[in-house]
Amino acid sequence: MKSLRRFRLRADVEIELLDGAIMTGAPDTSPPENAIIQALDPRHPSLGWRAIVSGSSAVNHDTTLLTRHLHIGVPSDEDIAPGQTLVLEANMDHLHGVSWTKGCYLGQEVTARTHYRGLIRKRILPIISADERPLPDEGIITSKGQNVGELRSHIGQHGLAQLHRKAWTASDLMLTDRPIKLVWPDWLPKDEDSHDEQGT
């Protein structure tokens, strides 16, 4: 609430803390009937729906949400470090999270400059174990002995990693001492400069 009030400025807006919970569900399920508001997740159809329900005792039984995120390649909250991860690094420009026509917003200058100059050096992308073993709980990703990324959320053989563009075409990615593969999402166009490492 403190953060929201900072950006209220002179708008005639009241901010109040209410009891409630966010629930999610797969595309083949339905939101609860007592939902205050519900909507399909705008980032990708396969993510399903999201809803706000009243009461702090509501329990979210969606056990496959993280799995859907990992297989689709869409970063979740735990993959994005507040104040550190740029919106373009989290692929929000391709997930209906950035407007190129809207007026001023926090971080607009950096976001627009990065976009129009094509200077996106890192992205959060899906990876998979290359030896069919579960991914380790943590580790640095390397290519040819150079640090090119770090592991984020993961389950079993699937995970998300923040990868430098040097890693986008590499065939020798290693997570600590384990071989991994980058799985480029079908919804994410490859940047024009993804094959050009000049100036990185």
N, C-alpha and C. Protein backbone atom coordinates (compact mmCIF):
# COMPACT_ATOMS: atom_id res chain seq x y z
N MET A 1 0.83 -1.20 0.00
CA MET A 1 0.00 0.00 0.00
C MET A 1 0.87 1.25 0.00
N LYS A 2 1.98 1.20 0.73
CA LYS A 2 2.88 2.35 0.76
C LYS A 2 3.42 2.65 -0.63
N SER A 3 3.80 1.61 -1.37
CA SER A 3 4.31 1.81 -2.73
C SER A 3 3.23 2.36 -3.66
N LEU A 4 2.01 1.84 -3.55
CA LEU A 4 0.92 2.31 -4.40
C LEU A 4 0.59 3.77 -4.14
N ARG A 5 0.62 4.14 -2.88
CA ARG A 5 0.29 5.53 -2.54
C ARG A 5 1.31 6.51 -3.09
N ARG A 6 2.53 6.08 -3.23
CA ARG A 6 3.56 6.96 -3.79
C ARG A 6 3.22 7.39 -5.22
N PHE A 7 2.55 6.50 -5.96
CA PHE A 7 2.26 6.78 -7.36
C PHE A 7 0.81 7.23 -7.58
N ARG A 8 0.08 7.43 -6.50
CA ARG A 8 -1.29 7.93 -6.65
C ARG A 8 -1.28 9.39 -7.08
N LEU A 9 -0.24 10.13 -6.65
CA LEU A 9 -0.11 11.56 -6.97
C LEU A 9 -1.38 12.30 -6.56
N ARG A 10 -1.99 13.05 -7.50
CA ARG A 10 -3.19 13.83 -7.17
C ARG A 10 -4.48 13.15 -7.61
N ALA A 11 -4.39 11.92 -8.03
CA ALA A 11 -5.58 11.21 -8.50
C ALA A 11 -6.57 10.98 -7.36
N ASP A 12 -7.86 11.05 -7.68
CA ASP A 12 -8.91 10.82 -6.69
C ASP A 12 -9.11 9.31 -6.52
N VAL A 13 -8.17 8.70 -5.83
CA VAL A 13 -8.16 7.24 -5.67
C VAL A 13 -7.98 6.90 -4.20
N GLU A 14 -8.81 5.98 -3.71
CA GLU A 14 -8.66 5.48 -2.35
C GLU A 14 -8.05 4.09 -2.39
N ILE A 15 -7.08 3.82 -1.56
CA ILE A 15 -6.41 2.52 -1.51
C ILE A 15 -6.68 1.89 -0.15
N GLU A 16 -7.25 0.70 -0.18
CA GLU A 16 -7.65 0.04 1.05
C GLU A 16 -7.24 -1.43 1.00
N LEU A 17 -6.77 -1.95 2.11
CA LEU A 17 -6.36 -3.34 2.20
C LEU A 17 -7.58 -4.21 2.53
N LEU A 18 -7.84 -5.21 1.70
CA LEU A 18 -8.99 -6.09 1.89
C LEU A 18 -8.51 -7.53 2.05
N ASP A 19 -9.32 -8.35 2.71
CA ASP A 19 -9.04 -9.78 2.79
C ASP A 19 -9.39 -10.43 1.46
N GLY A 20 -8.47 -11.18 0.92
CA GLY A 20 -8.72 -11.85 -0.34
C GLY A 20 -7.54 -12.71 -0.73
N ALA A 21 -7.72 -13.47 -1.78
CA ALA A 21 -6.66 -14.35 -2.24
C ALA A 21 -6.73 -14.46 -3.76
N ILE A 22 -5.58 -14.66 -4.35
CA ILE A 22 -5.51 -14.88 -5.79
C ILE A 22 -5.51 -16.38 -6.05
N MET A 23 -6.38 -16.82 -6.96
CA MET A 23 -6.43 -18.22 -7.33
C MET A 23 -6.15 -18.34 -8.82
N THR A 24 -5.59 -19.47 -9.21
CA THR A 24 -5.29 -19.73 -10.61
C THR A 24 -5.82 -21.10 -10.98
N GLY A 25 -5.94 -21.34 -12.28
CA GLY A 25 -6.42 -22.64 -12.73
C GLY A 25 -6.02 -22.92 -14.16
N ALA A 26 -5.94 -24.19 -14.52
CA ALA A 26 -5.59 -24.60 -15.87
C ALA A 26 -6.70 -24.22 -16.85
N PRO A 27 -6.39 -24.15 -18.15
CA PRO A 27 -7.40 -23.76 -19.14
C PRO A 27 -8.64 -24.65 -19.16
N ASP A 28 -8.51 -25.92 -18.77
CA ASP A 28 -9.65 -26.84 -18.82
C ASP A 28 -10.45 -26.86 -17.52
N THR A 29 -10.20 -25.90 -16.62
CA THR A 29 -10.97 -25.79 -15.38
C THR A 29 -11.70 -24.45 -15.35
N SER A 30 -12.58 -24.27 -14.38
CA SER A 30 -13.37 -23.05 -14.28
C SER A 30 -13.05 -22.30 -12.99
N PRO A 31 -13.09 -20.98 -13.02
CA PRO A 31 -12.86 -20.19 -11.80
C PRO A 31 -13.96 -20.44 -10.79
N PRO A 32 -13.72 -20.21 -9.49
CA PRO A 32 -14.76 -20.40 -8.48
C PRO A 32 -15.92 -19.43 -8.67
N GLU A 33 -17.11 -19.87 -8.31
CA GLU A 33 -18.30 -19.04 -8.50
C GLU A 33 -18.29 -17.79 -7.63
N ASN A 34 -17.57 -17.82 -6.52
CA ASN A 34 -17.55 -16.67 -5.62
C ASN A 34 -16.42 -15.69 -5.94
N ALA A 35 -15.84 -15.80 -7.13
CA ALA A 35 -14.75 -14.89 -7.51
C ALA A 35 -15.26 -13.46 -7.63
N ILE A 36 -14.52 -12.54 -7.05
CA ILE A 36 -14.86 -11.12 -7.17
C ILE A 36 -14.61 -10.65 -8.60
N ILE A 37 -13.50 -11.11 -9.16
CA ILE A 37 -13.15 -10.79 -10.54
C ILE A 37 -12.32 -11.94 -11.09
N GLN A 38 -12.46 -12.20 -12.37
CA GLN A 38 -11.73 -13.30 -12.99
C GLN A 38 -11.39 -12.92 -14.42
N ALA A 39 -10.31 -13.50 -14.93
CA ALA A 39 -9.90 -13.21 -16.31
C ALA A 39 -8.91 -14.26 -16.76
N LEU A 40 -8.86 -14.47 -18.07
CA LEU A 40 -7.84 -15.34 -18.62
C LEU A 40 -6.48 -14.64 -18.47
N ASP A 41 -5.46 -15.42 -18.20
CA ASP A 41 -4.13 -14.84 -18.09
C ASP A 41 -3.74 -14.28 -19.46
N PRO A 42 -3.49 -12.97 -19.55
CA PRO A 42 -3.24 -12.36 -20.86
C PRO A 42 -1.89 -12.70 -21.47
N ARG A 43 -1.01 -13.33 -20.70
CA ARG A 43 0.33 -13.59 -21.22
C ARG A 43 0.37 -14.74 -22.21
N HIS A 44 -0.39 -15.81 -21.94
CA HIS A 44 -0.39 -16.97 -22.84
C HIS A 44 -1.64 -17.80 -22.56
N PRO A 45 -2.34 -18.27 -23.61
CA PRO A 45 -3.58 -19.03 -23.40
C PRO A 45 -3.39 -20.27 -22.54
N SER A 46 -2.23 -20.91 -22.62
CA SER A 46 -2.01 -22.15 -21.88
C SER A 46 -1.80 -21.94 -20.39
N LEU A 47 -1.66 -20.68 -19.96
CA LEU A 47 -1.49 -20.43 -18.53
C LEU A 47 -2.81 -20.55 -17.77
N GLY A 48 -3.95 -20.44 -18.47
CA GLY A 48 -5.24 -20.60 -17.81
C GLY A 48 -5.82 -19.29 -17.33
N TRP A 49 -6.47 -19.31 -16.17
CA TRP A 49 -7.18 -18.14 -15.64
C TRP A 49 -6.62 -17.74 -14.29
N ARG A 50 -6.97 -16.51 -13.90
CA ARG A 50 -6.63 -15.97 -12.58
C ARG A 50 -7.89 -15.35 -12.01
N ALA A 51 -8.03 -15.41 -10.70
CA ALA A 51 -9.23 -14.86 -10.06
C ALA A 51 -8.89 -14.35 -8.66
N ILE A 52 -9.62 -13.34 -8.23
CA ILE A 52 -9.52 -12.85 -6.86
C ILE A 52 -10.78 -13.28 -6.13
N VAL A 53 -10.62 -13.98 -5.01
CA VAL A 53 -11.75 -14.42 -4.21
C VAL A 53 -11.66 -13.77 -2.84
N SER A 54 -12.79 -13.51 -2.25
CA SER A 54 -12.82 -12.88 -0.93
C SER A 54 -12.48 -13.89 0.15
N GLY A 55 -11.92 -13.37 1.25
CA GLY A 55 -11.57 -14.24 2.38
C GLY A 55 -10.12 -14.68 2.32
N SER A 56 -9.41 -14.47 3.40
CA SER A 56 -7.99 -14.83 3.44
C SER A 56 -7.76 -16.33 3.60
N SER A 57 -8.85 -17.10 3.84
CA SER A 57 -8.70 -18.54 4.05
C SER A 57 -8.78 -19.33 2.76
N ALA A 58 -9.00 -18.66 1.63
CA ALA A 58 -9.10 -19.35 0.35
C ALA A 58 -7.77 -20.04 0.03
N VAL A 59 -7.86 -21.25 -0.49
CA VAL A 59 -6.67 -22.04 -0.80
C VAL A 59 -6.62 -22.30 -2.29
N ASN A 60 -5.46 -22.06 -2.88
CA ASN A 60 -5.28 -22.31 -4.30
C ASN A 60 -4.81 -23.75 -4.50
N HIS A 61 -5.61 -24.56 -5.18
CA HIS A 61 -5.28 -25.96 -5.38
C HIS A 61 -4.65 -26.22 -6.74
N ASP A 62 -4.23 -25.16 -7.43
CA ASP A 62 -3.63 -25.30 -8.75
C ASP A 62 -2.18 -25.76 -8.58
N THR A 63 -1.96 -27.07 -8.68
CA THR A 63 -0.63 -27.63 -8.44
C THR A 63 0.24 -27.67 -9.70
N THR A 64 -0.32 -27.30 -10.84
CA THR A 64 0.44 -27.41 -12.09
C THR A 64 0.82 -26.04 -12.66
N LEU A 65 0.58 -24.97 -11.90
CA LEU A 65 0.86 -23.63 -12.42
C LEU A 65 2.34 -23.46 -12.77
N LEU A 66 3.24 -23.81 -11.86
CA LEU A 66 4.66 -23.64 -12.13
C LEU A 66 5.09 -24.52 -13.30
N THR A 67 4.54 -25.73 -13.38
CA THR A 67 4.87 -26.61 -14.50
C THR A 67 4.47 -25.98 -15.82
N ARG A 68 3.30 -25.34 -15.86
CA ARG A 68 2.87 -24.67 -17.09
C ARG A 68 3.82 -23.53 -17.44
N HIS A 69 4.22 -22.76 -16.43
CA HIS A 69 5.16 -21.67 -16.67
C HIS A 69 6.46 -22.19 -17.27
N LEU A 70 6.98 -23.27 -16.73
CA LEU A 70 8.26 -23.81 -17.19
C LEU A 70 8.18 -24.36 -18.60
N HIS A 71 7.10 -25.07 -18.91
CA HIS A 71 6.97 -25.67 -20.24
C HIS A 71 6.70 -24.61 -21.31
N ILE A 72 5.95 -23.58 -20.96
CA ILE A 72 5.64 -22.52 -21.92
C ILE A 72 6.79 -21.53 -22.04
N GLY A 73 7.53 -21.38 -20.94
CA GLY A 73 8.66 -20.45 -20.94
C GLY A 73 8.30 -19.05 -20.49
N VAL A 74 7.23 -18.92 -19.71
CA VAL A 74 6.80 -17.60 -19.21
C VAL A 74 7.30 -17.43 -17.78
N PRO A 75 8.11 -16.40 -17.51
CA PRO A 75 8.61 -16.21 -16.15
C PRO A 75 7.47 -15.99 -15.15
N SER A 76 7.64 -16.52 -13.95
CA SER A 76 6.68 -16.28 -12.87
C SER A 76 7.29 -15.28 -11.90
N ASP A 77 6.55 -14.95 -10.84
CA ASP A 77 7.00 -13.92 -9.92
C ASP A 77 8.38 -14.19 -9.35
N GLU A 78 8.65 -15.46 -9.00
CA GLU A 78 9.93 -15.76 -8.36
C GLU A 78 11.11 -15.67 -9.32
N ASP A 79 10.85 -15.59 -10.62
CA ASP A 79 11.93 -15.49 -11.60
C ASP A 79 12.37 -14.05 -11.84
N ILE A 80 11.55 -13.10 -11.39
CA ILE A 80 11.81 -11.69 -11.67
C ILE A 80 12.24 -11.00 -10.38
N ALA A 81 13.48 -10.52 -10.36
CA ALA A 81 14.00 -9.85 -9.17
C ALA A 81 13.57 -8.39 -9.18
N PRO A 82 12.74 -7.95 -8.22
CA PRO A 82 12.28 -6.56 -8.18
C PRO A 82 13.44 -5.57 -8.16
N GLY A 83 13.39 -4.57 -9.03
CA GLY A 83 14.41 -3.56 -9.07
C GLY A 83 15.69 -3.98 -9.77
N GLN A 84 15.74 -5.23 -10.25
CA GLN A 84 16.95 -5.73 -10.91
C GLN A 84 16.68 -6.24 -12.32
N THR A 85 15.55 -6.95 -12.50
CA THR A 85 15.22 -7.51 -13.80
C THR A 85 14.46 -6.49 -14.64
N LEU A 86 14.99 -6.15 -15.81
CA LEU A 86 14.28 -5.25 -16.72
C LEU A 86 13.09 -5.97 -17.32
N VAL A 87 12.03 -5.21 -17.64
CA VAL A 87 10.82 -5.83 -18.18
C VAL A 87 11.10 -6.57 -19.48
N LEU A 88 12.03 -6.06 -20.28
CA LEU A 88 12.35 -6.73 -21.55
C LEU A 88 13.14 -8.01 -21.31
N GLU A 89 13.91 -8.06 -20.24
CA GLU A 89 14.63 -9.29 -19.90
C GLU A 89 13.65 -10.38 -19.49
N ALA A 90 12.48 -9.98 -18.96
CA ALA A 90 11.44 -10.94 -18.58
C ALA A 90 10.45 -11.18 -19.71
N ASN A 91 10.78 -10.70 -20.92
CA ASN A 91 9.98 -10.93 -22.13
C ASN A 91 8.60 -10.30 -22.08
N MET A 92 8.42 -9.29 -21.22
CA MET A 92 7.10 -8.67 -21.10
C MET A 92 6.69 -7.94 -22.37
N ASP A 93 7.66 -7.61 -23.23
CA ASP A 93 7.32 -6.96 -24.50
C ASP A 93 6.58 -7.91 -25.43
N HIS A 94 6.66 -9.21 -25.18
CA HIS A 94 5.95 -10.20 -26.00
C HIS A 94 4.85 -10.91 -25.21
N LEU A 95 4.59 -10.43 -23.99
CA LEU A 95 3.58 -11.05 -23.13
C LEU A 95 2.52 -10.03 -22.72
N HIS A 96 2.28 -9.05 -23.58
CA HIS A 96 1.24 -8.03 -23.36
C HIS A 96 1.50 -7.24 -22.08
N GLY A 97 2.78 -7.03 -21.76
CA GLY A 97 3.11 -6.30 -20.54
C GLY A 97 3.73 -4.95 -20.77
N VAL A 98 3.98 -4.58 -22.04
CA VAL A 98 4.59 -3.29 -22.36
C VAL A 98 3.83 -2.65 -23.50
N SER A 99 3.52 -1.37 -23.35
CA SER A 99 2.88 -0.61 -24.43
C SER A 99 3.89 0.35 -25.03
N TRP A 100 3.97 0.40 -26.37
CA TRP A 100 4.87 1.33 -27.04
C TRP A 100 4.16 2.61 -27.43
N THR A 101 2.87 2.74 -27.10
CA THR A 101 2.12 3.95 -27.43
C THR A 101 1.64 4.69 -26.20
N LYS A 102 1.67 4.05 -25.03
CA LYS A 102 1.21 4.68 -23.80
C LYS A 102 2.15 5.82 -23.40
N GLY A 103 1.63 6.76 -22.65
CA GLY A 103 2.42 7.88 -22.15
C GLY A 103 3.39 7.44 -21.08
N CYS A 104 3.78 8.36 -20.22
CA CYS A 104 4.83 8.12 -19.23
C CYS A 104 4.45 7.01 -18.24
N TYR A 105 5.43 6.18 -17.90
CA TYR A 105 5.29 5.20 -16.83
C TYR A 105 6.68 4.95 -16.26
N LEU A 106 6.73 4.39 -15.08
CA LEU A 106 8.00 4.16 -14.40
C LEU A 106 8.88 3.23 -15.22
N GLY A 107 10.07 3.69 -15.56
CA GLY A 107 11.00 2.87 -16.33
C GLY A 107 10.83 2.98 -17.83
N GLN A 108 9.96 3.88 -18.30
CA GLN A 108 9.68 3.99 -19.73
C GLN A 108 10.93 4.32 -20.54
N GLU A 109 11.73 5.26 -20.05
CA GLU A 109 12.88 5.71 -20.83
C GLU A 109 13.87 4.57 -21.09
N VAL A 110 14.21 3.83 -20.03
CA VAL A 110 15.14 2.71 -20.18
C VAL A 110 14.54 1.63 -21.06
N THR A 111 13.26 1.32 -20.85
CA THR A 111 12.59 0.28 -21.63
C THR A 111 12.56 0.64 -23.11
N ALA A 112 12.15 1.86 -23.43
CA ALA A 112 12.05 2.28 -24.83
C ALA A 112 13.42 2.33 -25.49
N ARG A 113 14.41 2.87 -24.79
CA ARG A 113 15.75 2.97 -25.37
C ARG A 113 16.32 1.58 -25.66
N THR A 114 16.13 0.65 -24.72
CA THR A 114 16.62 -0.71 -24.92
C THR A 114 15.94 -1.37 -26.11
N HIS A 115 14.62 -1.15 -26.22
CA HIS A 115 13.85 -1.77 -27.31
C HIS A 115 14.26 -1.23 -28.68
N TYR A 116 14.28 0.08 -28.81
CA TYR A 116 14.51 0.67 -30.13
C TYR A 116 15.97 0.58 -30.57
N ARG A 117 16.88 0.44 -29.63
CA ARG A 117 18.28 0.27 -30.00
C ARG A 117 18.67 -1.20 -30.15
N GLY A 118 17.76 -2.09 -29.79
CA GLY A 118 18.05 -3.51 -29.90
C GLY A 118 19.18 -3.96 -28.99
N LEU A 119 19.18 -3.45 -27.77
CA LEU A 119 20.29 -3.73 -26.85
C LEU A 119 19.92 -4.74 -25.77
N ILE A 120 18.98 -5.61 -26.05
CA ILE A 120 18.58 -6.60 -25.05
C ILE A 120 19.68 -7.65 -24.94
N ARG A 121 20.37 -7.64 -23.82
CA ARG A 121 21.52 -8.53 -23.66
C ARG A 121 21.17 -9.82 -22.92
N LYS A 122 20.07 -9.82 -22.18
CA LYS A 122 19.68 -11.01 -21.41
C LYS A 122 18.18 -11.23 -21.53
N ARG A 123 17.78 -12.47 -21.45
CA ARG A 123 16.36 -12.82 -21.38
C ARG A 123 16.20 -14.03 -20.46
N ILE A 124 15.02 -14.13 -19.85
CA ILE A 124 14.69 -15.31 -19.06
C ILE A 124 14.05 -16.32 -20.01
N LEU A 125 14.69 -17.49 -20.16
CA LEU A 125 14.30 -18.45 -21.19
C LEU A 125 14.22 -19.86 -20.60
N PRO A 126 13.41 -20.73 -21.22
CA PRO A 126 13.30 -22.10 -20.71
C PRO A 126 14.50 -22.96 -21.09
N ILE A 127 14.90 -23.80 -20.16
CA ILE A 127 15.97 -24.77 -20.40
C ILE A 127 15.48 -26.15 -20.01
N ILE A 128 16.22 -27.16 -20.48
CA ILE A 128 15.88 -28.55 -20.14
C ILE A 128 17.17 -29.32 -19.94
N SER A 129 17.14 -30.28 -19.05
CA SER A 129 18.30 -31.12 -18.81
C SER A 129 18.62 -31.93 -20.07
N ALA A 130 19.89 -31.97 -20.44
CA ALA A 130 20.29 -32.70 -21.64
C ALA A 130 20.61 -34.16 -21.36
N ASP A 131 20.72 -34.52 -20.08
CA ASP A 131 21.04 -35.91 -19.74
C ASP A 131 19.87 -36.61 -19.05
N GLU A 132 18.69 -35.98 -19.13
CA GLU A 132 17.44 -36.56 -18.61
C GLU A 132 17.43 -36.71 -17.09
N ARG A 133 18.39 -36.11 -16.41
CA ARG A 133 18.37 -36.10 -14.95
C ARG A 133 17.75 -34.78 -14.47
N PRO A 134 17.17 -34.76 -13.28
CA PRO A 134 16.61 -33.50 -12.76
C PRO A 134 17.69 -32.43 -12.66
N LEU A 135 17.29 -31.20 -12.88
CA LEU A 135 18.22 -30.09 -12.75
C LEU A 135 18.63 -29.92 -11.29
N PRO A 136 19.85 -29.48 -11.03
CA PRO A 136 20.25 -29.20 -9.64
C PRO A 136 19.50 -28.01 -9.10
N ASP A 137 19.51 -27.82 -7.81
CA ASP A 137 18.73 -26.76 -7.18
C ASP A 137 19.29 -25.37 -7.46
N GLU A 138 20.56 -25.27 -7.78
CA GLU A 138 21.14 -23.97 -8.06
C GLU A 138 22.40 -24.17 -8.89
N GLY A 139 22.90 -23.08 -9.45
CA GLY A 139 24.13 -23.19 -10.21
C GLY A 139 24.29 -22.09 -11.23
N ILE A 140 25.50 -21.93 -11.71
CA ILE A 140 25.83 -20.97 -12.74
C ILE A 140 25.87 -21.67 -14.09
N ILE A 141 25.37 -21.01 -15.11
CA ILE A 141 25.37 -21.57 -16.46
C ILE A 141 26.56 -21.02 -17.23
N THR A 142 27.30 -21.91 -17.85
CA THR A 142 28.49 -21.50 -18.58
C THR A 142 28.46 -22.02 -20.02
N SER A 143 29.27 -21.37 -20.86
CA SER A 143 29.50 -21.81 -22.23
C SER A 143 30.95 -21.49 -22.56
N LYS A 144 31.68 -22.52 -22.99
CA LYS A 144 33.12 -22.36 -23.26
C LYS A 144 33.86 -21.76 -22.06
N GLY A 145 33.41 -22.13 -20.88
CA GLY A 145 34.07 -21.68 -19.66
C GLY A 145 33.67 -20.30 -19.19
N GLN A 146 32.80 -19.61 -19.94
CA GLN A 146 32.36 -18.27 -19.57
C GLN A 146 30.99 -18.32 -18.90
N ASN A 147 30.80 -17.47 -17.90
CA ASN A 147 29.52 -17.35 -17.22
C ASN A 147 28.52 -16.68 -18.16
N VAL A 148 27.42 -17.37 -18.51
CA VAL A 148 26.44 -16.81 -19.43
C VAL A 148 25.02 -16.78 -18.85
N GLY A 149 24.86 -17.17 -17.59
CA GLY A 149 23.51 -17.13 -17.04
C GLY A 149 23.40 -17.79 -15.68
N GLU A 150 22.18 -17.76 -15.15
CA GLU A 150 21.93 -18.38 -13.85
C GLU A 150 20.54 -19.00 -13.83
N LEU A 151 20.41 -20.07 -13.08
CA LEU A 151 19.17 -20.81 -12.97
C LEU A 151 18.15 -20.04 -12.14
N ARG A 152 16.90 -20.10 -12.56
CA ARG A 152 15.81 -19.52 -11.78
C ARG A 152 14.90 -20.68 -11.33
N SER A 153 13.60 -20.57 -11.47
CA SER A 153 12.71 -21.64 -10.98
C SER A 153 12.85 -22.90 -11.84
N HIS A 154 12.57 -24.06 -11.23
CA HIS A 154 12.73 -25.31 -11.95
C HIS A 154 12.00 -26.44 -11.23
N ILE A 155 11.61 -27.44 -12.00
CA ILE A 155 11.03 -28.68 -11.48
C ILE A 155 11.51 -29.81 -12.38
N GLY A 156 12.10 -30.82 -11.79
CA GLY A 156 12.56 -31.96 -12.58
C GLY A 156 13.57 -31.54 -13.63
N GLN A 157 13.29 -31.91 -14.88
CA GLN A 157 14.22 -31.63 -15.97
C GLN A 157 14.01 -30.24 -16.59
N HIS A 158 12.94 -29.56 -16.21
CA HIS A 158 12.60 -28.28 -16.83
C HIS A 158 12.90 -27.12 -15.89
N GLY A 159 13.33 -26.01 -16.47
CA GLY A 159 13.61 -24.83 -15.66
C GLY A 159 13.60 -23.57 -16.50
N LEU A 160 13.75 -22.45 -15.82
CA LEU A 160 13.92 -21.16 -16.46
C LEU A 160 15.26 -20.59 -16.02
N ALA A 161 15.91 -19.89 -16.93
CA ALA A 161 17.22 -19.33 -16.61
C ALA A 161 17.35 -17.96 -17.25
N GLN A 162 18.03 -17.06 -16.57
CA GLN A 162 18.37 -15.78 -17.19
C GLN A 162 19.66 -16.00 -17.97
N LEU A 163 19.57 -15.84 -19.29
CA LEU A 163 20.70 -16.16 -20.16
C LEU A 163 21.14 -14.95 -20.95
N HIS A 164 22.45 -14.72 -20.98
CA HIS A 164 23.05 -13.70 -21.83
C HIS A 164 22.88 -14.12 -23.28
N ARG A 165 22.79 -13.18 -24.19
CA ARG A 165 22.54 -13.55 -25.58
C ARG A 165 23.66 -14.37 -26.19
N LYS A 166 24.84 -14.37 -25.55
CA LYS A 166 25.90 -15.28 -26.00
C LYS A 166 25.45 -16.73 -25.92
N ALA A 167 24.51 -17.00 -25.01
CA ALA A 167 24.06 -18.38 -24.80
C ALA A 167 22.92 -18.77 -25.74
N TRP A 168 22.33 -17.80 -26.43
CA TRP A 168 21.13 -18.09 -27.20
C TRP A 168 21.37 -19.05 -28.36
N THR A 169 22.59 -19.08 -28.89
CA THR A 169 22.90 -20.01 -29.99
C THR A 169 23.97 -21.01 -29.60
N ALA A 170 24.34 -21.04 -28.32
CA ALA A 170 25.40 -21.96 -27.87
C ALA A 170 24.88 -23.39 -27.82
N SER A 171 25.76 -24.32 -28.13
CA SER A 171 25.40 -25.75 -28.10
C SER A 171 26.12 -26.50 -26.99
N ASP A 172 26.83 -25.76 -26.14
CA ASP A 172 27.63 -26.42 -25.10
C ASP A 172 27.28 -25.88 -23.72
N LEU A 173 26.01 -25.55 -23.48
CA LEU A 173 25.62 -24.96 -22.20
C LEU A 173 25.76 -25.99 -21.08
N MET A 174 26.32 -25.52 -19.96
CA MET A 174 26.50 -26.37 -18.79
C MET A 174 25.94 -25.66 -17.57
N LEU A 175 25.19 -26.38 -16.75
CA LEU A 175 24.72 -25.88 -15.47
C LEU A 175 25.56 -26.56 -14.40
N THR A 176 26.53 -25.83 -13.87
CA THR A 176 27.57 -26.41 -13.01
C THR A 176 28.30 -27.47 -13.85
N ASP A 177 28.10 -28.76 -13.55
CA ASP A 177 28.77 -29.81 -14.33
C ASP A 177 27.80 -30.64 -15.14
N ARG A 178 26.60 -30.07 -15.38
CA ARG A 178 25.55 -30.82 -16.07
C ARG A 178 25.21 -30.16 -17.40
N PRO A 179 25.08 -30.95 -18.49
CA PRO A 179 24.71 -30.37 -19.78
C PRO A 179 23.22 -29.99 -19.82
N ILE A 180 22.92 -28.85 -20.40
CA ILE A 180 21.53 -28.41 -20.54
C ILE A 180 21.31 -27.89 -21.96
N LYS A 181 20.05 -27.75 -22.34
CA LYS A 181 19.70 -27.22 -23.65
C LYS A 181 18.73 -26.05 -23.47
N LEU A 182 18.89 -25.05 -24.32
CA LEU A 182 17.95 -23.94 -24.37
C LEU A 182 16.81 -24.33 -25.29
N VAL A 183 15.58 -24.10 -24.83
CA VAL A 183 14.39 -24.39 -25.64
C VAL A 183 13.72 -23.05 -25.94
N TRP A 184 13.96 -22.50 -27.13
CA TRP A 184 13.42 -21.17 -27.44
C TRP A 184 11.90 -21.25 -27.57
N PRO A 185 11.13 -20.42 -26.85
CA PRO A 185 9.66 -20.50 -26.89
C PRO A 185 9.13 -20.15 -28.29
N ASP A 186 8.08 -20.84 -28.71
CA ASP A 186 7.53 -20.58 -30.04
C ASP A 186 6.82 -19.23 -30.12
N TRP A 187 6.46 -18.64 -28.97
CA TRP A 187 5.76 -17.35 -28.97
C TRP A 187 6.73 -16.17 -28.95
N LEU A 188 8.02 -16.45 -28.76
CA LEU A 188 9.03 -15.38 -28.64
C LEU A 188 9.87 -15.29 -29.90
N PRO A 189 9.71 -14.23 -30.69
CA PRO A 189 10.54 -14.10 -31.89
C PRO A 189 12.01 -13.94 -31.51
N LYS A 190 12.88 -14.51 -32.30
CA LYS A 190 14.30 -14.32 -32.04
C LYS A 190 14.68 -12.91 -32.46
N ASP A 191 15.38 -12.20 -31.57
CA ASP A 191 15.77 -10.83 -31.87
C ASP A 191 16.68 -10.79 -33.08
N GLU A 192 16.61 -9.69 -33.80
CA GLU A 192 17.43 -9.54 -34.99
C GLU A 192 18.91 -9.62 -34.68
N ASP A 193 19.28 -9.19 -33.46
CA ASP A 193 20.69 -9.20 -33.10
C ASP A 193 21.07 -10.43 -32.29
N SER A 194 20.19 -11.47 -32.27
CA SER A 194 20.50 -12.63 -31.44
C SER A 194 21.72 -13.39 -31.92
N HIS A 195 22.08 -13.22 -33.20
CA HIS A 195 23.25 -13.92 -33.71
C HIS A 195 24.47 -13.00 -33.76
N ASP A 196 24.29 -11.75 -33.32
CA ASP A 196 25.37 -10.78 -33.39
C ASP A 196 25.82 -10.42 -31.99
N GLU A 197 27.00 -10.82 -31.62
CA GLU A 197 27.48 -10.57 -30.27
C GLU A 197 28.37 -9.35 -30.20
N GLN A 198 28.36 -8.52 -31.25
CA GLN A 198 29.17 -7.33 -31.23
C GLN A 198 28.65 -6.36 -30.17
N GLY A 199 29.53 -5.80 -29.40
CA GLY A 199 29.14 -4.79 -28.43
C GLY A 199 28.54 -5.34 -27.17
N THR A 200 28.62 -6.64 -26.93
CA THR A 200 28.04 -7.21 -25.72
C THR A 200 29.02 -7.10 -24.56
